[in-house]
Structure formats: C-alpha cells, structure tokens
C-alpha cells in the first residue's frame, strides 16, 4: 500500500522503471528511484548537448 502511494507521486518518466524493478520496501523504492532519476538525467543531458554539435 505504501509503495503504491509512493509510486503515485513519482514523475511519469520514472514510473515504468520503478514498477518493473518491483521494490519491496519504501527504502528500496526511494533508493532505486534516485538511481533511475540520476541515470535518466545523465542520458538526457548527453542527448541535449549532442543535439547541437555539428559534424
């Protein structure tokens, strides 16, 4: 029940990743959510910076 409540407050872009991981405790949920968010922000930053490079 707590995990469903936590998942409801998560960014849409993170929900699928977290749901597939299926965390069993709030601590695991938060830890994994932070890792996913950090990873996605890195990949989005790389994409944004590469978008403006000319070859």
PDB file of N, CA and C in Angstrom:
ATOM      1  N   UNK A   1       0.824  -1.193   0.000  1.00  0.00           N
ATOM      2  CA  UNK A   1       0.000   0.000   0.000  1.00  0.00           C
ATOM      3  C   UNK A   1       0.873   1.265   0.000  1.00  0.00           C
ATOM      4  N   UNK A   2       1.898   1.284   0.837  1.00  0.00           N
ATOM      5  CA  UNK A   2       2.790   2.442   0.886  1.00  0.00           C
ATOM      6  C   UNK A   2       3.500   2.636  -0.445  1.00  0.00           C
ATOM      7  N   UNK A   3       3.877   1.528  -1.068  1.00  0.00           N
ATOM      8  CA  UNK A   3       4.604   1.624  -2.332  1.00  0.00           C
ATOM      9  C   UNK A   3       3.723   2.188  -3.436  1.00  0.00           C
ATOM     10  N   UNK A   4       2.439   1.844  -3.442  1.00  0.00           N
ATOM     11  CA  UNK A   4       1.518   2.411  -4.432  1.00  0.00           C
ATOM     12  C   UNK A   4       1.372   3.911  -4.209  1.00  0.00           C
ATOM     13  N   UNK A   5       1.333   4.320  -2.963  1.00  0.00           N
ATOM     14  CA  UNK A   5       1.252   5.739  -2.636  1.00  0.00           C
ATOM     15  C   UNK A   5       2.515   6.461  -3.112  1.00  0.00           C
ATOM     16  N   UNK A   6       3.665   5.865  -2.871  1.00  0.00           N
ATOM     17  CA  UNK A   6       4.923   6.467  -3.322  1.00  0.00           C
ATOM     18  C   UNK A   6       4.982   6.544  -4.845  1.00  0.00           C
ATOM     19  N   UNK A   7       4.556   5.491  -5.515  1.00  0.00           N
ATOM     20  CA  UNK A   7       4.600   5.454  -6.977  1.00  0.00           C
ATOM     21  C   UNK A   7       3.679   6.513  -7.588  1.00  0.00           C
ATOM     22  N   UNK A   8       2.580   6.817  -6.918  1.00  0.00           N
ATOM     23  CA  UNK A   8       1.646   7.823  -7.425  1.00  0.00           C
ATOM     24  C   UNK A   8       2.288   9.214  -7.469  1.00  0.00           C
ATOM     25  N   UNK A   9       3.277   9.461  -6.617  1.00  0.00           N
ATOM     26  CA  UNK A   9       3.913  10.772  -6.565  1.00  0.00           C
ATOM     27  C   UNK A   9       5.183  10.896  -7.388  1.00  0.00           C
ATOM     28  N   UNK A  10       5.479   9.879  -8.181  1.00  0.00           N
ATOM     29  CA  UNK A  10       6.723   9.854  -8.956  1.00  0.00           C
ATOM     30  C   UNK A  10       6.483  10.418 -10.349  1.00  0.00           C
ATOM     31  N   UNK A  11       7.518  11.011 -10.923  1.00  0.00           N
ATOM     32  CA  UNK A  11       7.432  11.510 -12.296  1.00  0.00           C
ATOM     33  C   UNK A  11       7.007  10.384 -13.227  1.00  0.00           C
ATOM     34  N   UNK A  12       6.231  10.727 -14.220  1.00  0.00           N
ATOM     35  CA  UNK A  12       5.734   9.741 -15.179  1.00  0.00           C
ATOM     36  C   UNK A  12       6.879   8.988 -15.862  1.00  0.00           C
ATOM     37  N   UNK A  13       7.962   9.682 -16.148  1.00  0.00           N
ATOM     38  CA  UNK A  13       9.088   9.054 -16.847  1.00  0.00           C
ATOM     39  C   UNK A  13       9.795   7.995 -16.001  1.00  0.00           C
ATOM     40  N   UNK A  14       9.589   8.003 -14.688  1.00  0.00           N
ATOM     41  CA  UNK A  14      10.244   7.041 -13.803  1.00  0.00           C
ATOM     42  C   UNK A  14       9.359   5.859 -13.436  1.00  0.00           C
ATOM     43  N   UNK A  15       8.062   6.010 -13.572  1.00  0.00           N
ATOM     44  CA  UNK A  15       7.122   5.001 -13.075  1.00  0.00           C
ATOM     45  C   UNK A  15       7.357   3.614 -13.657  1.00  0.00           C
ATOM     46  N   UNK A  16       7.534   3.503 -14.943  1.00  0.00           N
ATOM     47  CA  UNK A  16       7.713   2.194 -15.567  1.00  0.00           C
ATOM     48  C   UNK A  16       8.973   1.510 -15.046  1.00  0.00           C
ATOM     49  N   UNK A  17      10.070   2.249 -14.965  1.00  0.00           N
ATOM     50  CA  UNK A  17      11.332   1.678 -14.485  1.00  0.00           C
ATOM     51  C   UNK A  17      11.191   1.154 -13.056  1.00  0.00           C
ATOM     52  N   UNK A  18      10.555   1.936 -12.213  1.00  0.00           N
ATOM     53  CA  UNK A  18      10.409   1.551 -10.813  1.00  0.00           C
ATOM     54  C   UNK A  18       9.441   0.380 -10.672  1.00  0.00           C
ATOM     55  N   UNK A  19       8.348   0.409 -11.408  1.00  0.00           N
ATOM     56  CA  UNK A  19       7.374  -0.682 -11.335  1.00  0.00           C
ATOM     57  C   UNK A  19       7.984  -2.000 -11.800  1.00  0.00           C
ATOM     58  N   UNK A  20       8.803  -1.969 -12.830  1.00  0.00           N
ATOM     59  CA  UNK A  20       9.452  -3.190 -13.311  1.00  0.00           C
ATOM     60  C   UNK A  20      10.452  -3.734 -12.292  1.00  0.00           C
ATOM     61  N   UNK A  21      11.093  -2.864 -11.557  1.00  0.00           N
ATOM     62  CA  UNK A  21      12.049  -3.282 -10.531  1.00  0.00           C
ATOM     63  C   UNK A  21      11.327  -3.948  -9.358  1.00  0.00           C
ATOM     64  N   UNK A  22      10.095  -3.537  -9.088  1.00  0.00           N
ATOM     65  CA  UNK A  22       9.248  -4.096  -8.031  1.00  0.00           C
ATOM     66  C   UNK A  22       9.909  -4.044  -6.652  1.00  0.00           C
ATOM     67  N   UNK A  23      10.182  -2.844  -6.144  1.00  0.00           N
ATOM     68  CA  UNK A  23      10.795  -2.729  -4.819  1.00  0.00           C
ATOM     69  C   UNK A  23       9.841  -3.241  -3.734  1.00  0.00           C
ATOM     70  N   UNK A  24      10.400  -3.847  -2.707  1.00  0.00           N
ATOM     71  CA  UNK A  24       9.591  -4.459  -1.658  1.00  0.00           C
ATOM     72  C   UNK A  24       9.495  -3.627  -0.381  1.00  0.00           C
ATOM     73  N   UNK A  25      10.231  -2.532  -0.305  1.00  0.00           N
ATOM     74  CA  UNK A  25      10.174  -1.665   0.871  1.00  0.00           C
ATOM     75  C   UNK A  25      10.295  -0.213   0.423  1.00  0.00           C
ATOM     76  N   UNK A  26       9.818   0.706   1.251  1.00  0.00           N
ATOM     77  CA  UNK A  26       9.953   2.126   0.904  1.00  0.00           C
ATOM     78  C   UNK A  26      11.414   2.549   0.731  1.00  0.00           C
ATOM     79  N   UNK A  27      12.309   1.980   1.525  1.00  0.00           N
ATOM     80  CA  UNK A  27      13.726   2.323   1.416  1.00  0.00           C
ATOM     81  C   UNK A  27      14.292   1.894   0.062  1.00  0.00           C
ATOM     82  N   UNK A  28      13.949   0.678  -0.356  1.00  0.00           N
ATOM     83  CA  UNK A  28      14.401   0.175  -1.652  1.00  0.00           C
ATOM     84  C   UNK A  28      13.803   1.007  -2.773  1.00  0.00           C
ATOM     85  N   UNK A  29      12.538   1.357  -2.628  1.00  0.00           N
ATOM     86  CA  UNK A  29      11.846   2.187  -3.610  1.00  0.00           C
ATOM     87  C   UNK A  29      12.582   3.509  -3.802  1.00  0.00           C
ATOM     88  N   UNK A  30      12.855   4.201  -2.701  1.00  0.00           N
ATOM     89  CA  UNK A  30      13.496   5.515  -2.778  1.00  0.00           C
ATOM     90  C   UNK A  30      14.911   5.422  -3.340  1.00  0.00           C
ATOM     91  N   UNK A  31      15.638   4.415  -2.924  1.00  0.00           N
ATOM     92  CA  UNK A  31      16.997   4.236  -3.426  1.00  0.00           C
ATOM     93  C   UNK A  31      16.996   3.997  -4.933  1.00  0.00           C
ATOM     94  N   UNK A  32      16.140   3.114  -5.384  1.00  0.00           N
ATOM     95  CA  UNK A  32      16.088   2.805  -6.808  1.00  0.00           C
ATOM     96  C   UNK A  32      15.565   3.995  -7.613  1.00  0.00           C
ATOM     97  N   UNK A  33      14.564   4.689  -7.086  1.00  0.00           N
ATOM     98  CA  UNK A  33      14.014   5.856  -7.784  1.00  0.00           C
ATOM     99  C   UNK A  33      15.088   6.922  -7.985  1.00  0.00           C
ATOM    100  N   UNK A  34      15.916   7.136  -6.974  1.00  0.00           N
ATOM    101  CA  UNK A  34      17.008   8.113  -7.102  1.00  0.00           C
ATOM    102  C   UNK A  34      18.009   7.688  -8.168  1.00  0.00           C
ATOM    103  N   UNK A  35      18.351   6.399  -8.180  1.00  0.00           N
ATOM    104  CA  UNK A  35      19.298   5.900  -9.177  1.00  0.00           C
ATOM    105  C   UNK A  35      18.745   6.065 -10.587  1.00  0.00           C
ATOM    106  N   UNK A  36      17.478   5.727 -10.777  1.00  0.00           N
ATOM    107  CA  UNK A  36      16.861   5.846 -12.100  1.00  0.00           C
ATOM    108  C   UNK A  36      16.809   7.306 -12.525  1.00  0.00           C
ATOM    109  N   UNK A  37      16.411   8.178 -11.604  1.00  0.00           N
ATOM    110  CA  UNK A  37      16.325   9.601 -11.939  1.00  0.00           C
ATOM    111  C   UNK A  37      17.698  10.161 -12.312  1.00  0.00           C
ATOM    112  N   UNK A  38      18.717   9.806 -11.548  1.00  0.00           N
ATOM    113  CA  UNK A  38      20.075  10.270 -11.856  1.00  0.00           C
ATOM    114  C   UNK A  38      20.536   9.753 -13.214  1.00  0.00           C
ATOM    115  N   UNK A  39      20.281   8.487 -13.478  1.00  0.00           N
ATOM    116  CA  UNK A  39      20.695   7.887 -14.749  1.00  0.00           C
ATOM    117  C   UNK A  39      19.981   8.536 -15.920  1.00  0.00           C
ATOM    118  N   UNK A  40      18.682   8.724 -15.802  1.00  0.00           N
ATOM    119  CA  UNK A  40      17.930   9.346 -16.891  1.00  0.00           C
ATOM    120  C   UNK A  40      18.335  10.801 -17.092  1.00  0.00           C
ATOM    121  N   UNK A  41      18.649  11.497 -16.017  1.00  0.00           N
ATOM    122  CA  UNK A  41      19.072  12.895 -16.178  1.00  0.00           C
ATOM    123  C   UNK A  41      20.420  12.964 -16.887  1.00  0.00           C
ATOM    124  N   UNK A  42      21.298  12.001 -16.643  1.00  0.00           N
ATOM    125  CA  UNK A  42      22.583  11.965 -17.354  1.00  0.00           C
ATOM    126  C   UNK A  42      22.383  11.689 -18.836  1.00  0.00           C
ATOM    127  N   UNK A  43      21.528  10.741 -19.161  1.00  0.00           N
ATOM    128  CA  UNK A  43      21.315  10.412 -20.569  1.00  0.00           C
ATOM    129  C   UNK A  43      20.602  11.548 -21.280  1.00  0.00           C
ATOM    130  N   UNK A  44      19.692  12.229 -20.614  1.00  0.00           N
ATOM    131  CA  UNK A  44      19.009  13.367 -21.231  1.00  0.00           C
ATOM    132  C   UNK A  44      19.967  14.528 -21.438  1.00  0.00           C
ATOM    133  N   UNK A  45      20.882  14.747 -20.511  1.00  0.00           N
ATOM    134  CA  UNK A  45      21.871  15.807 -20.641  1.00  0.00           C
ATOM    135  C   UNK A  45      22.804  15.511 -21.800  1.00  0.00           C
ATOM    136  N   UNK A  46      23.237  14.255 -21.917  1.00  0.00           N
ATOM    137  CA  UNK A  46      24.104  13.866 -23.029  1.00  0.00           C
ATOM    138  C   UNK A  46      23.400  14.072 -24.360  1.00  0.00           C
ATOM    139  N   UNK A  47      22.139  13.718 -24.427  1.00  0.00           N
ATOM    140  CA  UNK A  47      21.387  13.879 -25.668  1.00  0.00           C
ATOM    141  C   UNK A  47      21.252  15.353 -26.018  1.00  0.00           C
ATOM    142  N   UNK A  48      20.915  16.175 -25.020  1.00  0.00           N
ATOM    143  CA  UNK A  48      20.744  17.607 -25.271  1.00  0.00           C
ATOM    144  C   UNK A  48      22.037  18.253 -25.746  1.00  0.00           C
ATOM    145  N   UNK A  49      23.170  17.889 -25.151  1.00  0.00           N
ATOM    146  CA  UNK A  49      24.431  18.507 -25.555  1.00  0.00           C
ATOM    147  C   UNK A  49      24.877  18.002 -26.920  1.00  0.00           C
ATOM    148  N   UNK A  50      24.604  16.746 -27.243  1.00  0.00           N
ATOM    149  CA  UNK A  50      24.981  16.196 -28.546  1.00  0.00           C
ATOM    150  C   UNK A  50      24.085  16.703 -29.672  1.00  0.00           C
ATOM    151  N   UNK A  51      22.918  17.130 -29.335  1.00  0.00           N
ATOM    152  CA  UNK A  51      21.959  17.584 -30.336  1.00  0.00           C
ATOM    153  C   UNK A  51      22.474  18.818 -31.076  1.00  0.00           C
ATOM    154  N   UNK A  52      23.303  19.625 -30.429  1.00  0.00           N
ATOM    155  CA  UNK A  52      23.748  20.874 -31.024  1.00  0.00           C
ATOM    156  C   UNK A  52      25.160  20.814 -31.595  1.00  0.00           C
ATOM    157  N   UNK A  53      25.774  19.640 -31.541  1.00  0.00           N
ATOM    158  CA  UNK A  53      27.109  19.507 -32.117  1.00  0.00           C
ATOM    159  C   UNK A  53      27.006  19.333 -33.622  1.00  0.00           C
ATOM    160  N   UNK A  54      27.938  19.941 -34.333  1.00  0.00           N
ATOM    161  CA  UNK A  54      27.961  19.819 -35.788  1.00  0.00           C
ATOM    162  C   UNK A  54      29.135  18.946 -36.189  1.00  0.00           C
ATOM    163  N   UNK A  55      28.920  18.088 -37.122  1.00  0.00           N
ATOM    164  CA  UNK A  55      29.976  17.173 -37.575  1.00  0.00           C
ATOM    165  C   UNK A  55      30.459  17.554 -38.934  1.00  0.00           C
TER     166      UNK A  55
END
